[in-house]
Amino acid sequence: MVAILRCVTLKALIHRADEGGFWAEVPALPGCVTQAETLEELRANIREAIQGWLAVEEPTQAEADQVIEVAV
C-alpha cells in the first residue's frame, strides 16, 4: 500500500498576547490554537498544532466535487 501525502495550506491569525509573547489560531480548524514567546517558536508550534488537529479530526462532511471561492 502506498501512502499519498497531501499538502494543505491554511491561514493562521497571529495575535500579541497581553502578558507578552504571541498566540495563534487557525480559523478553518476550530480549537486549533497555540502560543509562544517568539514568532519563530510560534511558527513551529502552529505547524505542530495543525498537524495534530488534522491527525485526530475525522471529516464531518463528504468531500465536495468542486470548491469555489465567493467574495461578498
Protein backbone atom coordinates (compact mmCIF):
# COMPACT_ATOMS: atom_id res chain seq x y z
CA MET A 1 0.00 0.00 0.00
CA VAL A 2 1.36 3.42 -0.96
CA ALA A 3 0.65 6.38 1.29
CA ILE A 4 -0.42 9.52 -0.52
CA LEU A 5 0.83 12.73 1.04
CA ARG A 6 -1.23 15.84 0.55
CA CYS A 7 -0.04 19.34 1.23
CA VAL A 8 -2.52 21.63 2.93
CA THR A 9 -2.10 25.39 3.16
CA LEU A 10 -4.07 27.14 5.89
CA LYS A 11 -4.19 30.67 7.22
CA ALA A 12 -3.19 31.28 10.83
CA LEU A 13 -4.03 34.50 12.65
CA ILE A 14 -1.24 35.74 14.92
CA HIS A 15 -2.02 37.90 17.95
CA ARG A 16 0.15 39.62 20.53
CA ALA A 17 -0.58 38.20 23.97
CA ASP A 18 -1.40 40.71 26.72
CA GLU A 19 1.09 39.03 29.05
CA GLY A 20 3.84 39.02 26.41
CA GLY A 21 4.66 36.72 23.54
CA PHE A 22 2.19 35.66 20.89
CA TRP A 23 -0.69 33.29 20.27
CA ALA A 24 -2.14 31.97 17.04
CA GLU A 25 -5.37 30.42 15.83
CA VAL A 26 -6.41 28.65 12.64
CA PRO A 27 -9.98 29.74 11.83
CA ALA A 28 -10.54 26.81 9.46
CA LEU A 29 -9.76 24.34 12.27
CA PRO A 30 -11.94 25.06 15.32
CA GLY A 31 -9.96 24.85 18.54
CA CYS A 32 -6.58 24.81 16.80
CA VAL A 33 -4.60 27.36 18.84
CA THR A 34 -1.12 27.69 20.32
CA GLN A 35 1.16 30.24 21.96
CA ALA A 36 4.86 31.06 22.17
CA GLU A 37 7.31 33.70 23.33
CA THR A 38 8.78 34.39 19.86
CA LEU A 39 7.41 34.39 16.32
CA GLU A 40 9.89 31.71 15.31
CA GLU A 41 8.70 29.43 18.11
CA LEU A 42 5.08 30.29 17.26
CA ARG A 43 5.54 29.19 13.63
CA ALA A 44 6.85 25.81 14.77
CA ASN A 45 4.07 25.46 17.36
CA ILE A 46 1.25 26.31 14.96
CA ARG A 47 2.58 23.83 12.38
CA GLU A 48 2.62 21.13 15.08
CA ALA A 49 -0.88 22.12 16.27
CA ILE A 50 -2.25 21.90 12.72
CA GLN A 51 -0.63 18.52 12.11
CA GLY A 52 -2.06 17.22 15.39
CA TRP A 53 -5.52 18.59 14.63
CA LEU A 54 -5.55 17.02 11.17
CA ALA A 55 -4.30 13.70 12.54
CA VAL A 56 -7.16 13.28 15.02
CA GLU A 57 -10.12 15.06 13.46
CA GLU A 58 -12.45 12.98 11.37
CA PRO A 59 -14.09 14.70 8.41
CA THR A 60 -17.71 15.58 9.17
CA GLN A 61 -18.73 16.17 5.57
CA ALA A 62 -18.16 14.30 2.37
CA GLU A 63 -15.61 15.79 0.03
CA ALA A 64 -17.11 18.17 -2.49
CA ASP A 65 -16.96 17.65 -6.23
CA GLN A 66 -15.94 21.28 -6.59
CA VAL A 67 -14.67 24.05 -4.35
CA ILE A 68 -15.32 27.67 -5.20
CA GLU A 69 -14.45 30.96 -3.54
CA VAL A 70 -17.17 33.56 -3.17
CA ALA A 71 -16.45 37.22 -2.44
CA VAL A 72 -19.19 39.11 -0.62
